PDB file of all heavy atoms in Angstrom:
ATOM      1  N   HIS A   1      65.450  43.293 -42.114  1.00  0.00           N
ATOM      2  CA  HIS A   1      65.203  41.839 -42.339  1.00  0.00           C
ATOM      3  C   HIS A   1      63.990  41.369 -41.495  1.00  0.00           C
ATOM      4  O   HIS A   1      62.899  41.087 -41.987  1.00  0.00           O
ATOM      5  CB  HIS A   1      66.454  41.068 -41.999  1.00  0.00           C
ATOM      6  CG  HIS A   1      66.384  39.595 -42.371  1.00  0.00           C
ATOM      7  ND1 HIS A   1      67.394  38.689 -42.050  1.00  0.00           N
ATOM      8  CD2 HIS A   1      65.488  38.856 -43.022  1.00  0.00           C
ATOM      9  CE1 HIS A   1      67.059  37.503 -42.526  1.00  0.00           C
ATOM     10  NE2 HIS A   1      65.898  37.642 -43.108  1.00  0.00           N
ATOM     11  N   TYR A   2      64.223  41.295 -40.156  1.00  0.00           N
ATOM     12  CA  TYR A   2      63.129  40.849 -39.249  1.00  0.00           C
ATOM     13  C   TYR A   2      62.495  42.080 -38.711  1.00  0.00           C
ATOM     14  O   TYR A   2      61.398  41.991 -38.042  1.00  0.00           O
ATOM     15  CB  TYR A   2      63.663  39.943 -38.157  1.00  0.00           C
ATOM     16  CG  TYR A   2      63.870  38.552 -38.701  1.00  0.00           C
ATOM     17  CD1 TYR A   2      65.157  38.171 -39.175  1.00  0.00           C
ATOM     18  CD2 TYR A   2      62.861  37.579 -38.695  1.00  0.00           C
ATOM     19  CE1 TYR A   2      65.330  36.862 -39.675  1.00  0.00           C
ATOM     20  CE2 TYR A   2      63.023  36.351 -39.152  1.00  0.00           C
ATOM     21  CZ  TYR A   2      64.313  35.964 -39.709  1.00  0.00           C
ATOM     22  OH  TYR A   2      64.413  34.695 -40.123  1.00  0.00           O
ATOM     23  N   SER A   3      63.030  43.311 -38.894  1.00  0.00           N
ATOM     24  CA  SER A   3      62.480  44.527 -38.331  1.00  0.00           C
ATOM     25  C   SER A   3      62.204  45.537 -39.458  1.00  0.00           C
ATOM     26  O   SER A   3      62.708  45.352 -40.585  1.00  0.00           O
ATOM     27  CB  SER A   3      63.381  45.174 -37.307  1.00  0.00           C
ATOM     28  OG  SER A   3      63.585  44.296 -36.173  1.00  0.00           O
ATOM     29  N   LYS A   4      61.480  46.605 -39.177  1.00  0.00           N
ATOM     30  CA  LYS A   4      61.406  47.717 -40.062  1.00  0.00           C
ATOM     31  C   LYS A   4      62.736  48.496 -40.021  1.00  0.00           C
ATOM     32  O   LYS A   4      63.478  48.423 -39.092  1.00  0.00           O
ATOM     33  CB  LYS A   4      60.213  48.632 -39.695  1.00  0.00           C
ATOM     34  CG  LYS A   4      58.833  47.941 -39.904  1.00  0.00           C
ATOM     35  CD  LYS A   4      57.725  48.854 -39.421  1.00  0.00           C
ATOM     36  CE  LYS A   4      56.371  48.158 -39.613  1.00  0.00           C
ATOM     37  NZ  LYS A   4      55.224  48.994 -39.123  1.00  0.00           N
ATOM     38  N   ALA A   5      62.867  49.201 -41.070  1.00  0.00           N
ATOM     39  CA  ALA A   5      64.208  50.008 -41.167  1.00  0.00           C
ATOM     40  C   ALA A   5      64.229  51.123 -40.209  1.00  0.00           C
ATOM     41  O   ALA A   5      63.200  51.714 -39.831  1.00  0.00           O
ATOM     42  CB  ALA A   5      64.381  50.490 -42.610  1.00  0.00           C
ATOM     43  N   GLY A   6      65.514  51.494 -39.758  1.00  0.00           N
ATOM     44  CA  GLY A   6      65.715  52.591 -38.985  1.00  0.00           C
ATOM     45  C   GLY A   6      65.053  52.553 -37.588  1.00  0.00           C
ATOM     46  O   GLY A   6      64.868  51.488 -37.003  1.00  0.00           O
ATOM     47  N   ASP A   7      64.665  53.748 -37.130  1.00  0.00           N
ATOM     48  CA  ASP A   7      64.078  53.799 -35.661  1.00  0.00           C
ATOM     49  C   ASP A   7      62.862  52.999 -35.546  1.00  0.00           C
ATOM     50  O   ASP A   7      62.471  52.614 -34.421  1.00  0.00           O
ATOM     51  CB  ASP A   7      63.897  55.266 -35.344  1.00  0.00           C
ATOM     52  CG  ASP A   7      65.172  56.051 -35.170  1.00  0.00           C
ATOM     53  OD1 ASP A   7      66.191  55.399 -35.015  1.00  0.00           O
ATOM     54  OD2 ASP A   7      65.083  57.316 -35.203  1.00  0.00           O
ATOM     55  N   ALA A   8      62.118  52.746 -36.650  1.00  0.00           N
ATOM     56  CA  ALA A   8      60.791  52.029 -36.551  1.00  0.00           C
ATOM     57  C   ALA A   8      61.007  50.610 -36.083  1.00  0.00           C
ATOM     58  O   ALA A   8      60.070  49.974 -35.591  1.00  0.00           O
ATOM     59  CB  ALA A   8      60.080  52.041 -37.926  1.00  0.00           C
ATOM     60  N   GLY A   9      62.230  50.069 -36.273  1.00  0.00           N
ATOM     61  CA  GLY A   9      62.495  48.721 -35.910  1.00  0.00           C
ATOM     62  C   GLY A   9      63.240  48.616 -34.576  1.00  0.00           C
ATOM     63  O   GLY A   9      63.576  47.453 -34.114  1.00  0.00           O
ATOM     64  N   TYR A  10      63.366  49.703 -33.839  1.00  0.00           N
ATOM     65  CA  TYR A  10      64.169  49.778 -32.564  1.00  0.00           C
ATOM     66  C   TYR A  10      63.248  50.004 -31.326  1.00  0.00           C
ATOM     67  O   TYR A  10      62.471  50.992 -31.446  1.00  0.00           O
ATOM     68  CB  TYR A  10      65.228  50.773 -32.714  1.00  0.00           C
ATOM     69  CG  TYR A  10      66.175  50.936 -31.458  1.00  0.00           C
ATOM     70  CD1 TYR A  10      66.893  49.803 -30.957  1.00  0.00           C
ATOM     71  CD2 TYR A  10      66.158  52.100 -30.794  1.00  0.00           C
ATOM     72  CE1 TYR A  10      67.690  49.938 -29.827  1.00  0.00           C
ATOM     73  CE2 TYR A  10      66.952  52.274 -29.646  1.00  0.00           C
ATOM     74  CZ  TYR A  10      67.669  51.202 -29.149  1.00  0.00           C
ATOM     75  OH  TYR A  10      68.498  51.324 -28.037  1.00  0.00           O
ATOM     76  N   GLN A  11      63.318  49.211 -30.348  1.00  0.00           N
ATOM     77  CA  GLN A  11      62.573  49.381 -29.126  1.00  0.00           C
ATOM     78  C   GLN A  11      63.540  50.183 -28.199  1.00  0.00           C
ATOM     79  O   GLN A  11      64.295  49.588 -27.417  1.00  0.00           O
ATOM     80  CB  GLN A  11      62.160  48.073 -28.508  1.00  0.00           C
ATOM     81  CG  GLN A  11      60.803  47.999 -27.936  1.00  0.00           C
ATOM     82  CD  GLN A  11      60.513  48.841 -26.695  1.00  0.00           C
ATOM     83  OE1 GLN A  11      61.306  49.740 -26.303  1.00  0.00           O
ATOM     84  NE2 GLN A  11      59.477  48.605 -26.032  1.00  0.00           N
ATOM     85  N   LYS A  12      63.360  51.494 -28.165  1.00  0.00           N
ATOM     86  CA  LYS A  12      64.349  52.343 -27.437  1.00  0.00           C
ATOM     87  C   LYS A  12      64.284  52.194 -25.944  1.00  0.00           C
ATOM     88  O   LYS A  12      65.263  52.305 -25.219  1.00  0.00           O
ATOM     89  CB  LYS A  12      64.192  53.779 -27.839  1.00  0.00           C
ATOM     90  CG  LYS A  12      62.829  54.375 -27.406  1.00  0.00           C
ATOM     91  CD  LYS A  12      62.733  55.807 -27.771  1.00  0.00           C
ATOM     92  CE  LYS A  12      61.383  56.479 -27.428  1.00  0.00           C
ATOM     93  NZ  LYS A  12      61.278  57.922 -27.708  1.00  0.00           N
ATOM     94  N   TYR A  13      63.175  51.767 -25.456  1.00  0.00           N
ATOM     95  CA  TYR A  13      62.990  51.647 -23.991  1.00  0.00           C
ATOM     96  C   TYR A  13      63.698  50.298 -23.452  1.00  0.00           C
ATOM     97  O   TYR A  13      63.970  50.200 -22.265  1.00  0.00           O
ATOM     98  CB  TYR A  13      61.556  51.639 -23.580  1.00  0.00           C
ATOM     99  CG  TYR A  13      60.759  52.853 -23.975  1.00  0.00           C
ATOM    100  CD1 TYR A  13      59.941  52.785 -25.112  1.00  0.00           C
ATOM    101  CD2 TYR A  13      60.932  54.033 -23.360  1.00  0.00           C
ATOM    102  CE1 TYR A  13      59.250  53.989 -25.481  1.00  0.00           C
ATOM    103  CE2 TYR A  13      60.225  55.205 -23.705  1.00  0.00           C
ATOM    104  CZ  TYR A  13      59.428  55.172 -24.790  1.00  0.00           C
ATOM    105  OH  TYR A  13      58.729  56.288 -25.187  1.00  0.00           O
ATOM    106  N   TRP A  14      63.805  49.377 -24.343  1.00  0.00           N
ATOM    107  CA  TRP A  14      64.388  48.099 -23.939  1.00  0.00           C
ATOM    108  C   TRP A  14      65.715  47.827 -24.676  1.00  0.00           C
ATOM    109  O   TRP A  14      66.376  46.740 -24.439  1.00  0.00           O
ATOM    110  CB  TRP A  14      63.453  46.922 -24.306  1.00  0.00           C
ATOM    111  CG  TRP A  14      62.172  47.009 -23.614  1.00  0.00           C
ATOM    112  CD1 TRP A  14      61.851  47.792 -22.534  1.00  0.00           C
ATOM    113  CD2 TRP A  14      60.933  46.270 -23.872  1.00  0.00           C
ATOM    114  NE1 TRP A  14      60.517  47.514 -22.122  1.00  0.00           N
ATOM    115  CE2 TRP A  14      59.976  46.603 -22.920  1.00  0.00           C
ATOM    116  CE3 TRP A  14      60.650  45.221 -24.862  1.00  0.00           C
ATOM    117  CZ2 TRP A  14      58.659  46.074 -22.955  1.00  0.00           C
ATOM    118  CZ3 TRP A  14      59.399  44.709 -24.777  1.00  0.00           C
ATOM    119  CH2 TRP A  14      58.343  45.127 -23.920  1.00  0.00           C
ATOM    120  N   ASP A  15      66.130  48.719 -25.453  1.00  0.00           N
ATOM    121  CA  ASP A  15      67.428  48.652 -26.212  1.00  0.00           C
ATOM    122  C   ASP A  15      67.468  47.270 -26.935  1.00  0.00           C
ATOM    123  O   ASP A  15      68.468  46.563 -26.850  1.00  0.00           O
ATOM    124  CB  ASP A  15      68.626  48.748 -25.280  1.00  0.00           C
ATOM    125  CG  ASP A  15      69.947  48.858 -25.953  1.00  0.00           C
ATOM    126  OD1 ASP A  15      69.972  49.445 -27.102  1.00  0.00           O
ATOM    127  OD2 ASP A  15      71.012  48.471 -25.455  1.00  0.00           O
ATOM    128  N   SER A  16      66.505  47.024 -27.706  1.00  0.00           N
ATOM    129  CA  SER A  16      66.369  45.831 -28.495  1.00  0.00           C
ATOM    130  C   SER A  16      65.619  46.114 -29.747  1.00  0.00           C
ATOM    131  O   SER A  16      65.155  47.244 -30.053  1.00  0.00           O
ATOM    132  CB  SER A  16      65.599  44.732 -27.633  1.00  0.00           C
ATOM    133  OG  SER A  16      64.375  45.150 -27.243  1.00  0.00           O
ATOM    134  N   MET A  17      65.409  45.053 -30.610  1.00  0.00           N
ATOM    135  CA  MET A  17      64.768  45.241 -31.883  1.00  0.00           C
ATOM    136  C   MET A  17      63.403  44.651 -31.815  1.00  0.00           C
ATOM    137  O   MET A  17      63.059  43.712 -31.079  1.00  0.00           O
ATOM    138  CB  MET A  17      65.579  44.475 -32.935  1.00  0.00           C
ATOM    139  CG  MET A  17      67.059  44.714 -33.068  1.00  0.00           C
ATOM    140  SD  MET A  17      67.372  46.542 -33.276  1.00  0.00           S
ATOM    141  CE  MET A  17      66.732  46.783 -34.943  1.00  0.00           C
ATOM    142  N   ILE A  18      62.470  45.314 -32.589  1.00  0.00           N
ATOM    143  CA  ILE A  18      61.066  44.844 -32.623  1.00  0.00           C
ATOM    144  C   ILE A  18      60.782  44.293 -33.946  1.00  0.00           C
ATOM    145  O   ILE A  18      61.200  44.794 -34.986  1.00  0.00           O
ATOM    146  CB  ILE A  18      60.091  45.976 -32.140  1.00  0.00           C
ATOM    147  CG1 ILE A  18      58.757  45.354 -31.825  1.00  0.00           C
ATOM    148  CG2 ILE A  18      60.017  47.010 -33.208  1.00  0.00           C
ATOM    149  CD1 ILE A  18      57.973  46.159 -30.890  1.00  0.00           C
ATOM    150  N   PHE A  19      59.930  43.196 -33.973  1.00  0.00           N
ATOM    151  CA  PHE A  19      59.621  42.618 -35.278  1.00  0.00           C
ATOM    152  C   PHE A  19      58.746  43.375 -36.148  1.00  0.00           C
ATOM    153  O   PHE A  19      57.948  44.192 -35.692  1.00  0.00           O
ATOM    154  CB  PHE A  19      58.873  41.209 -34.958  1.00  0.00           C
ATOM    155  CG  PHE A  19      59.788  40.222 -34.415  1.00  0.00           C
ATOM    156  CD1 PHE A  19      59.778  39.908 -33.089  1.00  0.00           C
ATOM    157  CD2 PHE A  19      60.626  39.474 -35.203  1.00  0.00           C
ATOM    158  CE1 PHE A  19      60.621  38.938 -32.523  1.00  0.00           C
ATOM    159  CE2 PHE A  19      61.452  38.460 -34.719  1.00  0.00           C
ATOM    160  CZ  PHE A  19      61.438  38.229 -33.371  1.00  0.00           C
ATOM    161  N   ASP A  20      58.866  43.148 -37.474  1.00  0.00           N
ATOM    162  CA  ASP A  20      58.000  43.795 -38.447  1.00  0.00           C
ATOM    163  C   ASP A  20      56.812  42.726 -38.648  1.00  0.00           C
ATOM    164  O   ASP A  20      56.890  41.849 -39.449  1.00  0.00           O
ATOM    165  CB  ASP A  20      58.690  44.052 -39.798  1.00  0.00           C
ATOM    166  CG  ASP A  20      57.808  44.685 -40.810  1.00  0.00           C
ATOM    167  OD1 ASP A  20      56.562  44.752 -40.560  1.00  0.00           O
ATOM    168  OD2 ASP A  20      58.336  44.921 -41.965  1.00  0.00           O
ATOM    169  N   TYR A  21      55.716  42.806 -37.907  1.00  0.00           N
ATOM    170  CA  TYR A  21      54.723  41.787 -37.827  1.00  0.00           C
ATOM    171  C   TYR A  21      53.915  41.735 -39.043  1.00  0.00           C
ATOM    172  O   TYR A  21      53.220  40.685 -39.327  1.00  0.00           O
ATOM    173  CB  TYR A  21      53.814  42.062 -36.618  1.00  0.00           C
ATOM    174  CG  TYR A  21      54.520  42.065 -35.301  1.00  0.00           C
ATOM    175  CD1 TYR A  21      54.856  43.320 -34.696  1.00  0.00           C
ATOM    176  CD2 TYR A  21      54.906  40.909 -34.733  1.00  0.00           C
ATOM    177  CE1 TYR A  21      55.611  43.193 -33.468  1.00  0.00           C
ATOM    178  CE2 TYR A  21      55.610  40.845 -33.553  1.00  0.00           C
ATOM    179  CZ  TYR A  21      55.948  42.034 -32.871  1.00  0.00           C
ATOM    180  OH  TYR A  21      56.643  42.019 -31.741  1.00  0.00           O
ATOM    181  N   GLY A  22      54.044  42.743 -39.972  1.00  0.00           N
ATOM    182  CA  GLY A  22      53.255  42.661 -41.177  1.00  0.00           C
ATOM    183  C   GLY A  22      54.040  42.105 -42.380  1.00  0.00           C
ATOM    184  O   GLY A  22      53.503  41.906 -43.426  1.00  0.00           O
ATOM    185  N   LYS A  23      55.284  41.678 -42.137  1.00  0.00           N
ATOM    186  CA  LYS A  23      56.095  41.085 -43.243  1.00  0.00           C
ATOM    187  C   LYS A  23      55.892  39.664 -43.306  1.00  0.00           C
ATOM    188  O   LYS A  23      56.031  38.949 -42.235  1.00  0.00           O
ATOM    189  CB  LYS A  23      57.542  41.461 -42.991  1.00  0.00           C
ATOM    190  CG  LYS A  23      58.557  41.194 -44.099  1.00  0.00           C
ATOM    191  CD  LYS A  23      59.899  41.722 -43.773  1.00  0.00           C
ATOM    192  CE  LYS A  23      60.838  41.632 -44.932  1.00  0.00           C
ATOM    193  NZ  LYS A  23      62.174  42.258 -44.604  1.00  0.00           N
ATOM    194  N   GLY A  24      55.665  39.040 -44.537  1.00  0.00           N
ATOM    195  CA  GLY A  24      55.325  37.661 -44.581  1.00  0.00           C
ATOM    196  C   GLY A  24      56.358  36.732 -43.977  1.00  0.00           C
ATOM    197  O   GLY A  24      56.002  35.777 -43.326  1.00  0.00           O
ATOM    198  N   GLY A  25      57.649  36.922 -44.308  1.00  0.00           N
ATOM    199  CA  GLY A  25      58.706  36.049 -43.773  1.00  0.00           C
ATOM    200  C   GLY A  25      58.772  36.137 -42.251  1.00  0.00           C
ATOM    201  O   GLY A  25      59.137  35.097 -41.620  1.00  0.00           O
ATOM    202  N   VAL A  26      58.493  37.302 -41.717  1.00  0.00           N
ATOM    203  CA  VAL A  26      58.587  37.394 -40.215  1.00  0.00           C
ATOM    204  C   VAL A  26      57.389  36.732 -39.653  1.00  0.00           C
ATOM    205  O   VAL A  26      57.561  36.038 -38.629  1.00  0.00           O
ATOM    206  CB  VAL A  26      58.579  38.937 -39.832  1.00  0.00           C
ATOM    207  CG1 VAL A  26      58.569  39.089 -38.331  1.00  0.00           C
ATOM    208  CG2 VAL A  26      59.881  39.603 -40.387  1.00  0.00           C
ATOM    209  N   GLU A  27      56.221  36.990 -40.086  1.00  0.00           N
ATOM    210  CA  GLU A  27      55.004  36.268 -39.730  1.00  0.00           C
ATOM    211  C   GLU A  27      55.175  34.795 -39.667  1.00  0.00           C
ATOM    212  O   GLU A  27      54.818  34.059 -38.795  1.00  0.00           O
ATOM    213  CB  GLU A  27      53.807  36.630 -40.573  1.00  0.00           C
ATOM    214  CG  GLU A  27      52.496  35.874 -40.181  1.00  0.00           C
ATOM    215  CD  GLU A  27      51.492  36.056 -41.402  1.00  0.00           C
ATOM    216  OE1 GLU A  27      51.753  35.307 -42.398  1.00  0.00           O
ATOM    217  OE2 GLU A  27      50.636  36.737 -41.148  1.00  0.00           O
ATOM    218  N   HIS A  28      55.711  34.243 -40.792  1.00  0.00           N
ATOM    219  CA  HIS A  28      55.961  32.797 -40.943  1.00  0.00           C
ATOM    220  C   HIS A  28      56.919  32.285 -39.912  1.00  0.00           C
ATOM    221  O   HIS A  28      56.793  31.195 -39.354  1.00  0.00           O
ATOM    222  CB  HIS A  28      56.502  32.498 -42.403  1.00  0.00           C
ATOM    223  CG  HIS A  28      56.664  31.113 -42.663  1.00  0.00           C
ATOM    224  ND1 HIS A  28      57.816  30.456 -43.087  1.00  0.00           N
ATOM    225  CD2 HIS A  28      55.772  30.115 -42.643  1.00  0.00           C
ATOM    226  CE1 HIS A  28      57.694  29.213 -43.262  1.00  0.00           C
ATOM    227  NE2 HIS A  28      56.376  28.849 -43.064  1.00  0.00           N
TER     228      HIS A  28
END
């Protein structure tokens, strides 16, 4: 939804989720 699917949306060093900055709804 706000992240990419799977490991691409997970910030493993901080144990948190990272945004999908190229997705229109997220950018908005």
